[in-house]
Amino acid sequence: MTPLAFEDWPSWPPILQGETDVPAPPAVEQQDTRHGYVAYTHGCRCDICREAKATYQRERRRALKAGGSVPPTAQHGLRTTYVEYGCRCSHCRRAEAAAHRRWNDAKRRAAVLADAS
């Protein structure tokens, strides 16, 4: 099969002989590509973008935990290392426990303030 010469390539949009207006290209229905993970990273917080970010994070965490080892660049003693990489060393477990305690305390304080109102 020989390649087409440039002048033999079909043109778009096709222009019929004697036609003065260029026809519009056919409508193609496609998913809105302006939303998703990338749009979320640029500040969009619509339902589509939030779901895309959540799916990305869920799959990323699953893959990292399935790897079985924490990357050497991960810093131990942080809650994020516990959550993101699945590290269960004593330092990361303590950081997760402390964060959980702070969260529970804040939740209790909010409940007390709501009851006082």
C-alpha atoms as a PDB file:
ATOM      1  CA  MET A   1       0.000   0.000   0.000  1.00  0.00           C
ATOM      2  CA  THR A   2       1.461   3.325  -1.048  1.00  0.00           C
ATOM      3  CA  PRO A   3       0.910   6.407   1.077  1.00  0.00           C
ATOM      4  CA  LEU A   4      -1.281   9.182  -0.285  1.00  0.00           C
ATOM      5  CA  ALA A   5       0.381  12.240  -1.657  1.00  0.00           C
ATOM      6  CA  PHE A   6      -0.473  15.426   0.234  1.00  0.00           C
ATOM      7  CA  GLU A   7      -2.727  16.738  -2.527  1.00  0.00           C
ATOM      8  CA  ASP A   8      -4.689  13.456  -2.506  1.00  0.00           C
ATOM      9  CA  TRP A   9      -5.563  13.638   1.182  1.00  0.00           C
ATOM     10  CA  PRO A  10      -9.256  14.144   1.825  1.00  0.00           C
ATOM     11  CA  SER A  11     -10.009  17.616   3.108  1.00  0.00           C
ATOM     12  CA  TRP A  12     -12.169  18.461   6.069  1.00  0.00           C
ATOM     13  CA  PRO A  13     -14.705  19.791   5.913  1.00  0.00           C
ATOM     14  CA  PRO A  14     -15.570  18.453   2.478  1.00  0.00           C
ATOM     15  CA  ILE A  15     -16.419  21.285   0.140  1.00  0.00           C
ATOM     16  CA  LEU A  16     -18.756  20.491  -2.716  1.00  0.00           C
ATOM     17  CA  GLN A  17     -18.199  22.046  -6.077  1.00  0.00           C
ATOM     18  CA  GLY A  18     -20.082  25.344  -6.403  1.00  0.00           C
ATOM     19  CA  GLU A  19     -20.736  25.588  -2.667  1.00  0.00           C
ATOM     20  CA  THR A  20     -19.808  28.914  -1.123  1.00  0.00           C
ATOM     21  CA  ASP A  21     -20.425  28.166   2.560  1.00  0.00           C
ATOM     22  CA  VAL A  22     -18.309  25.619   4.366  1.00  0.00           C
ATOM     23  CA  PRO A  23     -20.510  23.007   6.023  1.00  0.00           C
ATOM     24  CA  ALA A  24     -20.230  22.507   9.767  1.00  0.00           C
ATOM     25  CA  PRO A  25     -18.583  19.294  10.943  1.00  0.00           C
ATOM     26  CA  PRO A  26     -21.021  16.638  12.141  1.00  0.00           C
ATOM     27  CA  ALA A  27     -22.011  16.846  15.801  1.00  0.00           C
ATOM     28  CA  VAL A  28     -20.184  14.266  17.869  1.00  0.00           C
ATOM     29  CA  GLU A  29     -21.581  13.527  21.273  1.00  0.00           C
ATOM     30  CA  GLN A  30     -18.791  13.098  23.777  1.00  0.00           C
ATOM     31  CA  GLN A  31     -18.231  13.239  27.487  1.00  0.00           C
ATOM     32  CA  ASP A  32     -17.422  16.618  28.947  1.00  0.00           C
ATOM     33  CA  THR A  33     -13.639  16.425  29.197  1.00  0.00           C
ATOM     34  CA  ARG A  34     -13.322  19.663  31.125  1.00  0.00           C
ATOM     35  CA  HIS A  35     -14.164  17.886  34.384  1.00  0.00           C
ATOM     36  CA  GLY A  36     -12.373  15.125  36.216  1.00  0.00           C
ATOM     37  CA  TYR A  37      -9.193  14.650  38.219  1.00  0.00           C
ATOM     38  CA  VAL A  38      -7.237  17.377  36.410  1.00  0.00           C
ATOM     39  CA  ALA A  39     -10.016  19.937  36.837  1.00  0.00           C
ATOM     40  CA  TYR A  40     -10.116  19.047  40.542  1.00  0.00           C
ATOM     41  CA  THR A  41      -6.408  19.838  40.847  1.00  0.00           C
ATOM     42  CA  HIS A  42      -7.176  23.238  39.319  1.00  0.00           C
ATOM     43  CA  GLY A  43      -9.839  24.015  41.914  1.00  0.00           C
ATOM     44  CA  CYS A  44     -13.135  22.654  40.521  1.00  0.00           C
ATOM     45  CA  ARG A  45     -15.215  20.985  43.235  1.00  0.00           C
ATOM     46  CA  CYS A  46     -18.259  19.834  41.259  1.00  0.00           C
ATOM     47  CA  ASP A  47     -19.592  16.312  41.886  1.00  0.00           C
ATOM     48  CA  ILE A  48     -17.852  14.887  38.799  1.00  0.00           C
ATOM     49  CA  CYS A  49     -14.452  16.276  39.805  1.00  0.00           C
ATOM     50  CA  ARG A  50     -14.804  15.249  43.453  1.00  0.00           C
ATOM     51  CA  GLU A  51     -15.721  11.701  42.452  1.00  0.00           C
ATOM     52  CA  ALA A  52     -12.784  11.560  40.023  1.00  0.00           C
ATOM     53  CA  LYS A  53     -10.381  12.692  42.756  1.00  0.00           C
ATOM     54  CA  ALA A  54     -11.821  10.199  45.251  1.00  0.00           C
ATOM     55  CA  THR A  55     -11.496   7.356  42.752  1.00  0.00           C
ATOM     56  CA  TYR A  56      -7.922   8.360  41.937  1.00  0.00           C
ATOM     57  CA  GLN A  57      -6.938   8.475  45.611  1.00  0.00           C
ATOM     58  CA  ARG A  58      -8.686   5.179  46.396  1.00  0.00           C
ATOM     59  CA  GLU A  59      -6.874   3.388  43.559  1.00  0.00           C
ATOM     60  CA  ARG A  60      -3.564   5.053  44.399  1.00  0.00           C
ATOM     61  CA  ARG A  61      -3.758   3.978  48.042  1.00  0.00           C
ATOM     62  CA  ARG A  62      -4.767   0.452  47.061  1.00  0.00           C
ATOM     63  CA  ALA A  63      -1.783   0.200  44.714  1.00  0.00           C
ATOM     64  CA  LEU A  64       0.642   1.592  47.285  1.00  0.00           C
ATOM     65  CA  LYS A  65      -0.571  -0.766  49.998  1.00  0.00           C
ATOM     66  CA  ALA A  66      -0.493  -3.726  47.618  1.00  0.00           C
ATOM     67  CA  GLY A  67       3.172  -2.966  46.918  1.00  0.00           C
ATOM     68  CA  GLY A  68       3.935  -4.135  50.439  1.00  0.00           C
ATOM     69  CA  SER A  69       6.750  -1.724  51.124  1.00  0.00           C
ATOM     70  CA  VAL A  70       6.903   1.914  52.042  1.00  0.00           C
ATOM     71  CA  PRO A  71       9.020   4.012  49.670  1.00  0.00           C
ATOM     72  CA  PRO A  72      12.319   5.201  51.168  1.00  0.00           C
ATOM     73  CA  THR A  73      11.252   8.821  50.655  1.00  0.00           C
ATOM     74  CA  ALA A  74       8.255   8.443  53.006  1.00  0.00           C
ATOM     75  CA  GLN A  75       8.654  10.203  56.331  1.00  0.00           C
ATOM     76  CA  HIS A  76       7.696   8.047  59.315  1.00  0.00           C
ATOM     77  CA  GLY A  77       5.799   9.336  62.304  1.00  0.00           C
ATOM     78  CA  LEU A  78       3.138  11.072  60.200  1.00  0.00           C
ATOM     79  CA  ARG A  79      -0.520  10.218  59.821  1.00  0.00           C
ATOM     80  CA  THR A  80      -0.214  10.604  56.057  1.00  0.00           C
ATOM     81  CA  THR A  81       2.401   7.837  55.899  1.00  0.00           C
ATOM     82  CA  TYR A  82       0.015   5.587  57.833  1.00  0.00           C
ATOM     83  CA  VAL A  83      -2.921   6.406  55.537  1.00  0.00           C
ATOM     84  CA  GLU A  84      -1.255   6.864  52.150  1.00  0.00           C
ATOM     85  CA  TYR A  85       1.371   4.118  52.269  1.00  0.00           C
ATOM     86  CA  GLY A  86      -0.167   1.739  54.792  1.00  0.00           C
ATOM     87  CA  CYS A  87       2.882   1.905  57.050  1.00  0.00           C
ATOM     88  CA  ARG A  88       2.230   0.279  60.419  1.00  0.00           C
ATOM     89  CA  CYS A  89       5.488   1.004  62.209  1.00  0.00           C
ATOM     90  CA  SER A  90       5.166   2.197  65.808  1.00  0.00           C
ATOM     91  CA  HIS A  91       5.857   5.847  64.873  1.00  0.00           C
ATOM     92  CA  CYS A  92       3.149   5.965  62.201  1.00  0.00           C
ATOM     93  CA  ARG A  93       0.644   4.097  64.413  1.00  0.00           C
ATOM     94  CA  ARG A  94       1.189   6.652  67.192  1.00  0.00           C
ATOM     95  CA  ALA A  95       0.689   9.514  64.748  1.00  0.00           C
ATOM     96  CA  GLU A  96      -2.574   7.973  63.486  1.00  0.00           C
ATOM     97  CA  ALA A  97      -3.796   7.375  67.060  1.00  0.00           C
ATOM     98  CA  ALA A  98      -3.022  10.984  68.039  1.00  0.00           C
ATOM     99  CA  ALA A  99      -4.832  12.330  64.981  1.00  0.00           C
ATOM    100  CA  HIS A 100      -7.805  10.102  65.730  1.00  0.00           C
ATOM    101  CA  ARG A 101      -7.895  11.309  69.347  1.00  0.00           C
ATOM    102  CA  ARG A 102      -7.845  14.943  68.189  1.00  0.00           C
ATOM    103  CA  TRP A 103     -10.675  14.228  65.759  1.00  0.00           C
ATOM    104  CA  ASN A 104     -12.766  12.540  68.477  1.00  0.00           C
ATOM    105  CA  ASP A 105     -12.095  15.395  70.917  1.00  0.00           C
ATOM    106  CA  ALA A 106     -13.167  17.992  68.355  1.00  0.00           C
ATOM    107  CA  LYS A 107     -16.296  15.987  67.619  1.00  0.00           C
ATOM    108  CA  ARG A 108     -17.173  15.815  71.344  1.00  0.00           C
ATOM    109  CA  ARG A 109     -16.557  19.561  71.794  1.00  0.00           C
ATOM    110  CA  ALA A 110     -18.826  20.318  68.842  1.00  0.00           C
ATOM    111  CA  ALA A 111     -21.554  18.115  70.330  1.00  0.00           C
ATOM    112  CA  VAL A 112     -21.265  19.876  73.715  1.00  0.00           C
ATOM    113  CA  LEU A 113     -21.465  23.295  72.066  1.00  0.00           C
ATOM    114  CA  ALA A 114     -24.488  22.175  70.034  1.00  0.00           C
ATOM    115  CA  ASP A 115     -26.238  20.921  73.204  1.00  0.00           C
ATOM    116  CA  ALA A 116     -25.473  24.164  75.047  1.00  0.00           C
ATOM    117  CA  SER A 117     -27.214  26.219  72.354  1.00  0.00           C
END
